[in-house]
Structure formats: C-alpha cells, structure tokens
C-alpha cells in the first residue's frame, strides 16, 4: 500500500520537475527573442513566429558545430507580451527598437 503511494508521489514530483525544465527559458535568451521580435514587428509582418524562426535558424552557418535552435516558448512569450501592448504604444515602439526591447523584457516574466 505504501509502495504505491511512494511511487505515485515520485512520479508526480518527477513530472513537475520535467515540466519546469522544459518550460524554463533563460532570461538572456528571452531578451534575445524580445530583440528579434522588435526587429520583426518593424517590417509589418503578421506571422511573427515564422519570421523569428527564419532569422534565428537562418543565422546558422553550414559549418557550425552547434546550431542555434528556435525556442518556441521564448518566442511565444515575446509575441504574447507584444500583443498585450496598446496600439498607441506599439506604434511608438516600432520606431525605437531599444525601447521596444526594454518594454517587452519588462512584460515577459519567467514562470
């Protein structure tokens, strides 16, 4: 009886730890994705995630030993932060990518 509870408890703890590991985004990586998004939104593109993927994965050299992989979670967090901004603020941030990056970084919080 107690073995079942211990096994279930261990499985539950392992599942929570795995979920946390998978969804964790390094703050430096999140800043990078916010900066990429600020460059993308200035081009009036509606498909931000695809444009970000093209920029990030397209910057890999053919001879690179470690290729940069697109982090969908970091991109979605940056895009969601952008979409929460009012339209008036978006129009001013499109003109200033530095201010855009700071605004998005302030909005995106790692859970």
PDB file of N, CA and C in Angstrom:
ATOM      1  N   UNK A   1       0.821  -1.199   0.000  1.00  0.00           N
ATOM      2  CA  UNK A   1       0.000   0.000   0.000  1.00  0.00           C
ATOM      3  C   UNK A   1       0.861   1.257   0.000  1.00  0.00           C
ATOM      4  N   UNK A   2       1.843   1.293   0.906  1.00  0.00           N
ATOM      5  CA  UNK A   2       2.697   2.476   0.976  1.00  0.00           C
ATOM      6  C   UNK A   2       3.608   2.587  -0.241  1.00  0.00           C
ATOM      7  N   UNK A   3       3.968   1.461  -0.834  1.00  0.00           N
ATOM      8  CA  UNK A   3       4.828   1.490  -2.015  1.00  0.00           C
ATOM      9  C   UNK A   3       4.121   2.187  -3.180  1.00  0.00           C
ATOM     10  N   UNK A   4       2.827   1.941  -3.330  1.00  0.00           N
ATOM     11  CA  UNK A   4       2.076   2.591  -4.405  1.00  0.00           C
ATOM     12  C   UNK A   4       2.072   4.101  -4.224  1.00  0.00           C
ATOM     13  N   UNK A   5       1.850   4.556  -3.010  1.00  0.00           N
ATOM     14  CA  UNK A   5       1.815   5.994  -2.749  1.00  0.00           C
ATOM     15  C   UNK A   5       3.176   6.630  -2.965  1.00  0.00           C
ATOM     16  N   UNK A   6       4.211   5.940  -2.562  1.00  0.00           N
ATOM     17  CA  UNK A   6       5.563   6.477  -2.751  1.00  0.00           C
ATOM     18  C   UNK A   6       5.898   6.559  -4.236  1.00  0.00           C
ATOM     19  N   UNK A   7       5.546   5.517  -4.975  1.00  0.00           N
ATOM     20  CA  UNK A   7       5.805   5.519  -6.418  1.00  0.00           C
ATOM     21  C   UNK A   7       4.996   6.630  -7.096  1.00  0.00           C
ATOM     22  N   UNK A   8       3.730   6.784  -6.737  1.00  0.00           N
ATOM     23  CA  UNK A   8       2.911   7.851  -7.320  1.00  0.00           C
ATOM     24  C   UNK A   8       3.449   9.235  -6.966  1.00  0.00           C
ATOM     25  N   UNK A   9       3.895   9.388  -5.735  1.00  0.00           N
ATOM     26  CA  UNK A   9       4.465  10.664  -5.309  1.00  0.00           C
ATOM     27  C   UNK A   9       5.743  10.967  -6.094  1.00  0.00           C
ATOM     28  N   UNK A  10       6.602   9.985  -6.246  1.00  0.00           N
ATOM     29  CA  UNK A  10       7.834  10.179  -7.012  1.00  0.00           C
ATOM     30  C   UNK A  10       7.550  10.488  -8.481  1.00  0.00           C
ATOM     31  N   UNK A  11       6.562   9.808  -9.055  1.00  0.00           N
ATOM     32  CA  UNK A  11       6.178  10.100 -10.430  1.00  0.00           C
ATOM     33  C   UNK A  11       5.640  11.526 -10.566  1.00  0.00           C
ATOM     34  N   UNK A  12       4.855  11.940  -9.604  1.00  0.00           N
ATOM     35  CA  UNK A  12       4.316  13.296  -9.629  1.00  0.00           C
ATOM     36  C   UNK A  12       5.411  14.350  -9.522  1.00  0.00           C
ATOM     37  N   UNK A  13       6.334  14.147  -8.604  1.00  0.00           N
ATOM     38  CA  UNK A  13       7.443  15.088  -8.435  1.00  0.00           C
ATOM     39  C   UNK A  13       8.315  15.118  -9.687  1.00  0.00           C
ATOM     40  N   UNK A  14       8.575  13.949 -10.251  1.00  0.00           N
ATOM     41  CA  UNK A  14       9.377  13.872 -11.474  1.00  0.00           C
ATOM     42  C   UNK A  14       8.676  14.589 -12.623  1.00  0.00           C
ATOM     43  N   UNK A  15       7.376  14.424 -12.732  1.00  0.00           N
ATOM     44  CA  UNK A  15       6.620  15.102 -13.785  1.00  0.00           C
ATOM     45  C   UNK A  15       6.662  16.608 -13.644  1.00  0.00           C
ATOM     46  N   UNK A  16       6.513  17.110 -12.434  1.00  0.00           N
ATOM     47  CA  UNK A  16       6.564  18.560 -12.208  1.00  0.00           C
ATOM     48  C   UNK A  16       7.953  19.098 -12.523  1.00  0.00           C
ATOM     49  N   UNK A  17       8.988  18.378 -12.122  1.00  0.00           N
ATOM     50  CA  UNK A  17      10.353  18.825 -12.404  1.00  0.00           C
ATOM     51  C   UNK A  17      10.637  18.820 -13.913  1.00  0.00           C
ATOM     52  N   UNK A  18      10.142  17.813 -14.603  1.00  0.00           N
ATOM     53  CA  UNK A  18      10.345  17.744 -16.051  1.00  0.00           C
ATOM     54  C   UNK A  18       9.608  18.881 -16.751  1.00  0.00           C
ATOM     55  N   UNK A  19       8.388  19.154 -16.334  1.00  0.00           N
ATOM     56  CA  UNK A  19       7.608  20.249 -16.921  1.00  0.00           C
ATOM     57  C   UNK A  19       8.316  21.578 -16.689  1.00  0.00           C
ATOM     58  N   UNK A  20       8.846  21.785 -15.491  1.00  0.00           N
ATOM     59  CA  UNK A  20       9.539  23.031 -15.166  1.00  0.00           C
ATOM     60  C   UNK A  20      10.811  23.174 -16.013  1.00  0.00           C
ATOM     61  N   UNK A  21      11.508  22.075 -16.210  1.00  0.00           N
ATOM     62  CA  UNK A  21      12.732  22.109 -17.011  1.00  0.00           C
ATOM     63  C   UNK A  21      12.423  22.422 -18.468  1.00  0.00           C
ATOM     64  N   UNK A  22      11.371  21.862 -18.986  1.00  0.00           N
ATOM     65  CA  UNK A  22      11.010  22.058 -20.393  1.00  0.00           C
ATOM     66  C   UNK A  22      10.539  23.489 -20.646  1.00  0.00           C
ATOM     67  N   UNK A  23       9.782  24.066 -19.726  1.00  0.00           N
ATOM     68  CA  UNK A  23       9.202  25.390 -19.958  1.00  0.00           C
ATOM     69  C   UNK A  23      10.090  26.531 -19.473  1.00  0.00           C
ATOM     70  N   UNK A  24      11.215  26.244 -18.841  1.00  0.00           N
ATOM     71  CA  UNK A  24      12.102  27.301 -18.353  1.00  0.00           C
ATOM     72  C   UNK A  24      12.866  27.931 -19.520  1.00  0.00           C
ATOM     73  N   UNK A  25      12.904  29.249 -19.531  1.00  0.00           N
ATOM     74  CA  UNK A  25      13.648  29.983 -20.546  1.00  0.00           C
ATOM     75  C   UNK A  25      14.644  30.875 -19.816  1.00  0.00           C
ATOM     76  N   UNK A  26      15.898  30.796 -20.225  1.00  0.00           N
ATOM     77  CA  UNK A  26      16.940  31.629 -19.641  1.00  0.00           C
ATOM     78  C   UNK A  26      16.617  33.104 -19.895  1.00  0.00           C
ATOM     79  N   UNK A  27      16.775  33.990 -18.909  1.00  0.00           N
ATOM     80  CA  UNK A  27      16.457  35.409 -19.125  1.00  0.00           C
ATOM     81  C   UNK A  27      17.242  36.044 -20.278  1.00  0.00           C
ATOM     82  N   UNK A  28      18.487  35.626 -20.471  1.00  0.00           N
ATOM     83  CA  UNK A  28      19.264  36.168 -21.595  1.00  0.00           C
ATOM     84  C   UNK A  28      18.665  35.739 -22.931  1.00  0.00           C
ATOM     85  N   UNK A  29      18.212  34.489 -23.006  1.00  0.00           N
ATOM     86  CA  UNK A  29      17.558  34.018 -24.225  1.00  0.00           C
ATOM     87  C   UNK A  29      16.262  34.772 -24.468  1.00  0.00           C
ATOM     88  N   UNK A  30      15.522  35.053 -23.388  1.00  0.00           N
ATOM     89  CA  UNK A  30      14.269  35.779 -23.540  1.00  0.00           C
ATOM     90  C   UNK A  30      14.530  37.195 -24.042  1.00  0.00           C
ATOM     91  N   UNK A  31      15.591  37.825 -23.564  1.00  0.00           N
ATOM     92  CA  UNK A  31      15.965  39.146 -24.056  1.00  0.00           C
ATOM     93  C   UNK A  31      16.297  39.096 -25.547  1.00  0.00           C
ATOM     94  N   UNK A  32      16.992  38.045 -25.947  1.00  0.00           N
ATOM     95  CA  UNK A  32      17.357  37.868 -27.359  1.00  0.00           C
ATOM     96  C   UNK A  32      16.104  37.747 -28.220  1.00  0.00           C
ATOM     97  N   UNK A  33      15.145  36.960 -27.779  1.00  0.00           N
ATOM     98  CA  UNK A  33      13.910  36.781 -28.547  1.00  0.00           C
ATOM     99  C   UNK A  33      13.084  38.068 -28.562  1.00  0.00           C
ATOM    100  N   UNK A  34      13.120  38.834 -27.484  1.00  0.00           N
ATOM    101  CA  UNK A  34      12.423  40.127 -27.477  1.00  0.00           C
ATOM    102  C   UNK A  34      13.057  41.074 -28.482  1.00  0.00           C
ATOM    103  N   UNK A  35      14.388  41.070 -28.558  1.00  0.00           N
ATOM    104  CA  UNK A  35      15.085  41.930 -29.519  1.00  0.00           C
ATOM    105  C   UNK A  35      14.775  41.509 -30.952  1.00  0.00           C
ATOM    106  N   UNK A  36      14.750  40.212 -31.201  1.00  0.00           N
ATOM    107  CA  UNK A  36      14.426  39.726 -32.545  1.00  0.00           C
ATOM    108  C   UNK A  36      13.005  40.146 -32.929  1.00  0.00           C
ATOM    109  N   UNK A  37      12.068  40.007 -31.996  1.00  0.00           N
ATOM    110  CA  UNK A  37      10.688  40.386 -32.290  1.00  0.00           C
ATOM    111  C   UNK A  37      10.581  41.875 -32.590  1.00  0.00           C
ATOM    112  N   UNK A  38      11.324  42.687 -31.863  1.00  0.00           N
ATOM    113  CA  UNK A  38      11.273  44.133 -32.118  1.00  0.00           C
ATOM    114  C   UNK A  38      11.766  44.463 -33.521  1.00  0.00           C
ATOM    115  N   UNK A  39      12.710  43.703 -34.025  1.00  0.00           N
ATOM    116  CA  UNK A  39      13.142  43.899 -35.402  1.00  0.00           C
ATOM    117  C   UNK A  39      12.122  43.415 -36.412  1.00  0.00           C
ATOM    118  N   UNK A  40      11.403  42.357 -36.041  1.00  0.00           N
ATOM    119  CA  UNK A  40      10.421  41.765 -36.953  1.00  0.00           C
ATOM    120  C   UNK A  40       9.166  42.626 -37.068  1.00  0.00           C
ATOM    121  N   UNK A  41       8.705  43.198 -35.958  1.00  0.00           N
ATOM    122  CA  UNK A  41       7.448  43.956 -35.997  1.00  0.00           C
ATOM    123  C   UNK A  41       7.589  45.234 -36.807  1.00  0.00           C
ATOM    124  N   UNK A  42       8.794  45.728 -36.971  1.00  0.00           N
ATOM    125  CA  UNK A  42       9.001  46.919 -37.779  1.00  0.00           C
ATOM    126  C   UNK A  42       8.792  46.668 -39.261  1.00  0.00           C
ATOM    127  N   UNK A  43       8.769  45.416 -39.667  1.00  0.00           N
ATOM    128  CA  UNK A  43       8.597  45.072 -41.078  1.00  0.00           C
ATOM    129  C   UNK A  43       7.137  44.800 -41.440  1.00  0.00           C
ATOM    130  N   UNK A  44       6.211  45.029 -40.496  1.00  0.00           N
ATOM    131  CA  UNK A  44       4.781  44.851 -40.720  1.00  0.00           C
ATOM    132  C   UNK A  44       4.429  43.437 -41.157  1.00  0.00           C
ATOM    133  N   UNK A  45       4.991  42.463 -40.518  1.00  0.00           N
ATOM    134  CA  UNK A  45       4.718  41.062 -40.835  1.00  0.00           C
ATOM    135  C   UNK A  45       3.700  40.527 -39.829  1.00  0.00           C
ATOM    136  N   UNK A  46       2.726  39.791 -40.304  1.00  0.00           N
ATOM    137  CA  UNK A  46       1.709  39.252 -39.408  1.00  0.00           C
ATOM    138  C   UNK A  46       2.130  37.944 -38.766  1.00  0.00           C
ATOM    139  N   UNK A  47       2.993  37.185 -39.422  1.00  0.00           N
ATOM    140  CA  UNK A  47       3.419  35.896 -38.889  1.00  0.00           C
ATOM    141  C   UNK A  47       4.768  36.069 -38.190  1.00  0.00           C
ATOM    142  N   UNK A  48       4.707  36.565 -36.948  1.00  0.00           N
ATOM    143  CA  UNK A  48       5.922  36.889 -36.213  1.00  0.00           C
ATOM    144  C   UNK A  48       6.759  35.652 -35.911  1.00  0.00           C
ATOM    145  N   UNK A  49       6.117  34.558 -35.501  1.00  0.00           N
ATOM    146  CA  UNK A  49       6.860  33.359 -35.118  1.00  0.00           C
ATOM    147  C   UNK A  49       7.667  32.797 -36.290  1.00  0.00           C
ATOM    148  N   UNK A  50       7.070  32.752 -37.470  1.00  0.00           N
ATOM    149  CA  UNK A  50       7.784  32.228 -38.640  1.00  0.00           C
ATOM    150  C   UNK A  50       8.951  33.135 -39.021  1.00  0.00           C
ATOM    151  N   UNK A  51       8.760  34.439 -38.932  1.00  0.00           N
ATOM    152  CA  UNK A  51       9.841  35.370 -39.241  1.00  0.00           C
ATOM    153  C   UNK A  51      10.976  35.238 -38.236  1.00  0.00           C
ATOM    154  N   UNK A  52      10.620  35.084 -36.965  1.00  0.00           N
ATOM    155  CA  UNK A  52      11.647  34.913 -35.933  1.00  0.00           C
ATOM    156  C   UNK A  52      12.412  33.611 -36.157  1.00  0.00           C
ATOM    157  N   UNK A  53      11.699  32.556 -36.507  1.00  0.00           N
ATOM    158  CA  UNK A  53      12.350  31.273 -36.776  1.00  0.00           C
ATOM    159  C   UNK A  53      13.322  31.399 -37.943  1.00  0.00           C
ATOM    160  N   UNK A  54      12.915  32.087 -39.003  1.00  0.00           N
ATOM    161  CA  UNK A  54      13.784  32.262 -40.165  1.00  0.00           C
ATOM    162  C   UNK A  54      15.044  33.039 -39.806  1.00  0.00           C
ATOM    163  N   UNK A  55      14.909  34.054 -38.983  1.00  0.00           N
ATOM    164  CA  UNK A  55      16.066  34.855 -38.589  1.00  0.00           C
ATOM    165  C   UNK A  55      17.010  34.039 -37.718  1.00  0.00           C
ATOM    166  N   UNK A  56      16.452  33.356 -36.734  1.00  0.00           N
ATOM    167  CA  UNK A  56      17.293  32.640 -35.771  1.00  0.00           C
ATOM    168  C   UNK A  56      17.955  31.424 -36.408  1.00  0.00           C
ATOM    169  N   UNK A  57      17.186  30.609 -37.081  1.00  0.00           N
ATOM    170  CA  UNK A  57      17.768  29.413 -37.682  1.00  0.00           C
ATOM    171  C   UNK A  57      18.530  29.741 -38.966  1.00  0.00           C
ATOM    172  N   UNK A  58      18.185  30.837 -39.610  1.00  0.00           N
ATOM    173  CA  UNK A  58      18.893  31.241 -40.809  1.00  0.00           C
ATOM    174  C   UNK A  58      20.270  31.820 -40.526  1.00  0.00           C
ATOM    175  N   UNK A  59      20.518  32.194 -39.271  1.00  0.00           N
ATOM    176  CA  UNK A  59      21.826  32.743 -38.920  1.00  0.00           C
ATOM    177  C   UNK A  59      22.865  31.650 -38.669  1.00  0.00           C
ATOM    178  N   UNK A  60      22.446  30.393 -38.698  1.00  0.00           N
ATOM    179  CA  UNK A  60      23.381  29.281 -38.517  1.00  0.00           C
ATOM    180  C   UNK A  60      24.237  29.103 -39.765  1.00  0.00           C
ATOM    181  N   UNK A  61      25.517  28.951 -39.571  1.00  0.00           N
ATOM    182  CA  UNK A  61      26.410  28.646 -40.684  1.00  0.00           C
ATOM    183  C   UNK A  61      26.362  27.157 -40.977  1.00  0.00           C
ATOM    184  N   UNK A  62      26.628  26.798 -42.209  1.00  0.00           N
ATOM    185  CA  UNK A  62      26.594  25.386 -42.584  1.00  0.00           C
ATOM    186  C   UNK A  62      27.653  24.582 -41.860  1.00  0.00           C
ATOM    187  N   UNK A  63      28.754  25.206 -41.505  1.00  0.00           N
ATOM    188  CA  UNK A  63      29.853  24.506 -40.859  1.00  0.00           C
ATOM    189  C   UNK A  63      29.808  24.595 -39.336  1.00  0.00           C
ATOM    190  N   UNK A  64      28.761  25.194 -38.785  1.00  0.00           N
ATOM    191  CA  UNK A  64      28.667  25.352 -37.331  1.00  0.00           C
ATOM    192  C   UNK A  64      28.484  23.993 -36.653  1.00  0.00           C
ATOM    193  N   UNK A  65      29.244  23.807 -35.577  1.00  0.00           N
ATOM    194  CA  UNK A  65      29.115  22.568 -34.818  1.00  0.00           C
ATOM    195  C   UNK A  65      27.893  22.607 -33.913  1.00  0.00           C
ATOM    196  N   UNK A  66      27.619  23.769 -33.350  1.00  0.00           N
ATOM    197  CA  UNK A  66      26.429  23.921 -32.522  1.00  0.00           C
ATOM    198  C   UNK A  66      25.505  24.926 -33.198  1.00  0.00           C
ATOM    199  N   UNK A  67      24.395  24.434 -33.638  1.00  0.00           N
ATOM    200  CA  UNK A  67      23.429  25.300 -34.313  1.00  0.00           C
ATOM    201  C   UNK A  67      22.436  25.837 -33.297  1.00  0.00           C
ATOM    202  N   UNK A  68      22.040  27.082 -33.516  1.00  0.00           N
ATOM    203  CA  UNK A  68      21.042  27.698 -32.650  1.00  0.00           C
ATOM    204  C   UNK A  68      19.682  27.172 -33.065  1.00  0.00           C
ATOM    205  N   UNK A  69      18.955  26.641 -32.116  1.00  0.00           N
ATOM    206  CA  UNK A  69      17.617  26.114 -32.388  1.00  0.00           C
ATOM    207  C   UNK A  69      16.569  27.120 -31.927  1.00  0.00           C
ATOM    208  N   UNK A  70      15.501  27.161 -32.651  1.00  0.00           N
ATOM    209  CA  UNK A  70      14.402  28.072 -32.344  1.00  0.00           C
ATOM    210  C   UNK A  70      13.699  27.607 -31.077  1.00  0.00           C
ATOM    211  N   UNK A  71      13.522  28.515 -30.127  1.00  0.00           N
ATOM    212  CA  UNK A  71      12.836  28.218 -28.878  1.00  0.00           C
ATOM    213  C   UNK A  71      11.413  28.764 -28.983  1.00  0.00           C
ATOM    214  N   UNK A  72      10.481  27.884 -29.245  1.00  0.00           N
ATOM    215  CA  UNK A  72       9.088  28.276 -29.462  1.00  0.00           C
ATOM    216  C   UNK A  72       8.486  28.953 -28.229  1.00  0.00           C
ATOM    217  N   UNK A  73       8.856  28.482 -27.046  1.00  0.00           N
ATOM    218  CA  UNK A  73       8.287  29.039 -25.814  1.00  0.00           C
ATOM    219  C   UNK A  73       8.742  30.482 -25.623  1.00  0.00           C
ATOM    220  N   UNK A  74      10.030  30.749 -25.829  1.00  0.00           N
ATOM    221  CA  UNK A  74      10.540  32.114 -25.689  1.00  0.00           C
ATOM    222  C   UNK A  74       9.906  33.035 -26.728  1.00  0.00           C
ATOM    223  N   UNK A  75       9.742  32.538 -27.943  1.00  0.00           N
ATOM    224  CA  UNK A  75       9.124  33.345 -28.997  1.00  0.00           C
ATOM    225  C   UNK A  75       7.668  33.651 -28.657  1.00  0.00           C
ATOM    226  N   UNK A  76       6.931  32.653 -28.190  1.00  0.00           N
ATOM    227  CA  UNK A  76       5.520  32.871 -27.855  1.00  0.00           C
ATOM    228  C   UNK A  76       5.370  33.852 -26.706  1.00  0.00           C
ATOM    229  N   UNK A  77       6.259  33.797 -25.733  1.00  0.00           N
ATOM    230  CA  UNK A  77       6.194  34.755 -24.624  1.00  0.00           C
ATOM    231  C   UNK A  77       6.432  36.179 -25.109  1.00  0.00           C
ATOM    232  N   UNK A  78       7.386  36.354 -25.994  1.00  0.00           N
ATOM    233  CA  UNK A  78       7.652  37.694 -26.533  1.00  0.00           C
ATOM    234  C   UNK A  78       6.470  38.178 -27.371  1.00  0.00           C
ATOM    235  N   UNK A  79       5.918  37.304 -28.188  1.00  0.00           N
ATOM    236  CA  UNK A  79       4.771  37.680 -29.031  1.00  0.00           C
ATOM    237  C   UNK A  79       3.556  38.012 -28.174  1.00  0.00           C
ATOM    238  N   UNK A  80       3.296  37.220 -27.150  1.00  0.00           N
ATOM    239  CA  UNK A  80       2.164  37.499 -26.258  1.00  0.00           C
ATOM    240  C   UNK A  80       2.348  38.830 -25.533  1.00  0.00           C
ATOM    241  N   UNK A  81       3.580  39.133 -25.130  1.00  0.00           N
ATOM    242  CA  UNK A  81       3.840  40.418 -24.481  1.00  0.00           C
ATOM    243  C   UNK A  81       3.584  41.562 -25.459  1.00  0.00           C
ATOM    244  N   UNK A  82       3.992  41.387 -26.718  1.00  0.00           N
ATOM    245  CA  UNK A  82       3.765  42.412 -27.737  1.00  0.00           C
ATOM    246  C   UNK A  82       2.275  42.631 -27.961  1.00  0.00           C
ATOM    247  N   UNK A  83       1.521  41.549 -28.002  1.00  0.00           N
ATOM    248  CA  UNK A  83       0.089  41.656 -28.283  1.00  0.00           C
ATOM    249  C   UNK A  83      -0.691  42.288 -27.136  1.00  0.00           C
ATOM    250  N   UNK A  84      -0.143  42.284 -25.925  1.00  0.00           N
ATOM    251  CA  UNK A  84      -0.834  42.915 -24.804  1.00  0.00           C
ATOM    252  C   UNK A  84      -0.659  44.428 -24.785  1.00  0.00           C
ATOM    253  N   UNK A  85       0.294  44.924 -25.553  1.00  0.00           N
ATOM    254  CA  UNK A  85       0.535  46.367 -25.579  1.00  0.00           C
ATOM    255  C   UNK A  85      -0.577  47.085 -26.331  1.00  0.00           C
ATOM    256  N   UNK A  86      -0.919  48.297 -25.888  1.00  0.00           N
ATOM    257  CA  UNK A  86      -1.908  49.084 -26.633  1.00  0.00           C
ATOM    258  C   UNK A  86      -1.343  49.518 -27.990  1.00  0.00           C
ATOM    259  N   UNK A  87      -2.224  49.751 -28.935  1.00  0.00           N
ATOM    260  CA  UNK A  87      -1.805  50.105 -30.297  1.00  0.00           C
ATOM    261  C   UNK A  87      -0.978  51.385 -30.335  1.00  0.00           C
ATOM    262  N   UNK A  88      -1.305  52.348 -29.502  1.00  0.00           N
ATOM    263  CA  UNK A  88      -0.549  53.603 -29.494  1.00  0.00           C
ATOM    264  C   UNK A  88       0.893  53.361 -29.054  1.00  0.00           C
ATOM    265  N   UNK A  89       1.063  52.509 -28.070  1.00  0.00           N
ATOM    266  CA  UNK A  89       2.419  52.200 -27.600  1.00  0.00           C
ATOM    267  C   UNK A  89       3.182  51.372 -28.630  1.00  0.00           C
ATOM    268  N   UNK A  90       2.477  50.480 -29.312  1.00  0.00           N
ATOM    269  CA  UNK A  90       3.119  49.674 -30.358  1.00  0.00           C
ATOM    270  C   UNK A  90       3.689  50.570 -31.455  1.00  0.00           C
ATOM    271  N   UNK A  91       2.918  51.568 -31.863  1.00  0.00           N
ATOM    272  CA  UNK A  91       3.367  52.434 -32.955  1.00  0.00           C
ATOM    273  C   UNK A  91       4.611  53.230 -32.571  1.00  0.00           C
ATOM    274  N   UNK A  92       4.738  53.612 -31.311  1.00  0.00           N
ATOM    275  CA  UNK A  92       5.949  54.321 -30.893  1.00  0.00           C
ATOM    276  C   UNK A  92       7.121  53.359 -30.707  1.00  0.00           C
ATOM    277  N   UNK A  93       6.856  52.149 -30.254  1.00  0.00           N
ATOM    278  CA  UNK A  93       7.933  51.185 -30.037  1.00  0.00           C
ATOM    279  C   UNK A  93       8.497  50.641 -31.343  1.00  0.00           C
ATOM    280  N   UNK A  94       7.701  50.606 -32.385  1.00  0.00           N
ATOM    281  CA  UNK A  94       8.183  50.143 -33.686  1.00  0.00           C
ATOM    282  C   UNK A  94       9.302  51.066 -34.177  1.00  0.00           C
ATOM    283  N   UNK A  95       9.217  52.340 -33.835  1.00  0.00           N
ATOM    284  CA  UNK A  95      10.219  53.310 -34.274  1.00  0.00           C
ATOM    285  C   UNK A  95      11.518  53.211 -33.479  1.00  0.00           C
ATOM    286  N   UNK A  96      11.458  52.726 -32.237  1.00  0.00           N
ATOM    287  CA  UNK A  96      12.636  52.654 -31.366  1.00  0.00           C
ATOM    288  C   UNK A  96      12.813  51.223 -30.869  1.00  0.00           C
ATOM    289  N   UNK A  97      13.692  50.464 -31.511  1.00  0.00           N
ATOM    290  CA  UNK A  97      13.854  49.052 -31.162  1.00  0.00           C
ATOM    291  C   UNK A  97      14.450  48.864 -29.774  1.00  0.00           C
ATOM    292  N   UNK A  98      15.258  49.814 -29.319  1.00  0.00           N
ATOM    293  CA  UNK A  98      15.826  49.706 -27.977  1.00  0.00           C
ATOM    294  C   UNK A  98      14.735  49.819 -26.921  1.00  0.00           C
ATOM    295  N   UNK A  99      13.861  50.797 -27.077  1.00  0.00           N
ATOM    296  CA  UNK A  99      12.743  50.956 -26.141  1.00  0.00           C
ATOM    297  C   UNK A  99      11.784  49.772 -26.249  1.00  0.00           C
ATOM    298  N   UNK A 100      11.617  49.259 -27.455  1.00  0.00           N
ATOM    299  CA  UNK A 100      10.765  48.092 -27.675  1.00  0.00           C
ATOM    300  C   UNK A 100      11.294  46.893 -26.884  1.00  0.00           C
ATOM    301  N   UNK A 101      12.596  46.667 -26.985  1.00  0.00           N
ATOM    302  CA  UNK A 101      13.185  45.532 -26.281  1.00  0.00           C
ATOM    303  C   UNK A 101      13.025  45.681 -24.770  1.00  0.00           C
ATOM    304  N   UNK A 102      13.233  46.872 -24.247  1.00  0.00           N
ATOM    305  CA  UNK A 102      13.082  47.089 -22.806  1.00  0.00           C
ATOM    306  C   UNK A 102      11.628  46.900 -22.357  1.00  0.00           C
ATOM    307  N   UNK A 103      10.698  47.364 -23.176  1.00  0.00           N
ATOM    308  CA  UNK A 103       9.281  47.213 -22.828  1.00  0.00           C
ATOM    309  C   UNK A 103       8.871  45.744 -22.825  1.00  0.00           C
ATOM    310  N   UNK A 104       9.306  44.992 -23.825  1.00  0.00           N
ATOM    311  CA  UNK A 104       8.954  43.568 -23.882  1.00  0.00           C
ATOM    312  C   UNK A 104       9.622  42.781 -22.768  1.00  0.00           C
ATOM    313  N   UNK A 105      10.869  43.106 -22.472  1.00  0.00           N
ATOM    314  CA  UNK A 105      11.578  42.419 -21.407  1.00  0.00           C
ATOM    315  C   UNK A 105      10.887  42.652 -20.069  1.00  0.00           C
ATOM    316  N   UNK A 106      10.377  43.856 -19.865  1.00  0.00           N
ATOM    317  CA  UNK A 106       9.672  44.154 -18.624  1.00  0.00           C
ATOM    318  C   UNK A 106       8.359  43.374 -18.516  1.00  0.00           C
ATOM    319  N   UNK A 107       7.725  43.104 -19.657  1.00  0.00           N
ATOM    320  CA  UNK A 107       6.441  42.396 -19.641  1.00  0.00           C
ATOM    321  C   UNK A 107       6.590  40.884 -19.507  1.00  0.00           C
ATOM    322  N   UNK A 108       7.680  40.350 -20.043  1.00  0.00           N
ATOM    323  CA  UNK A 108       7.855  38.899 -20.056  1.00  0.00           C
ATOM    324  C   UNK A 108       8.483  38.475 -18.741  1.00  0.00           C
ATOM    325  N   UNK A 109       7.774  37.578 -18.061  1.00  0.00           N
ATOM    326  CA  UNK A 109       8.262  37.068 -16.781  1.00  0.00           C
ATOM    327  C   UNK A 109       8.305  35.566 -16.862  1.00  0.00           C
ATOM    328  N   UNK A 110       9.439  34.965 -16.485  1.00  0.00           N
ATOM    329  CA  UNK A 110       9.519  33.505 -16.455  1.00  0.00           C
ATOM    330  C   UNK A 110       8.682  32.977 -15.305  1.00  0.00           C
ATOM    331  N   UNK A 111       7.846  31.996 -15.595  1.00  0.00           N
ATOM    332  CA  UNK A 111       7.025  31.423 -14.512  1.00  0.00           C
ATOM    333  C   UNK A 111       7.857  30.559 -13.587  1.00  0.00           C
TER     334      UNK A 111
END
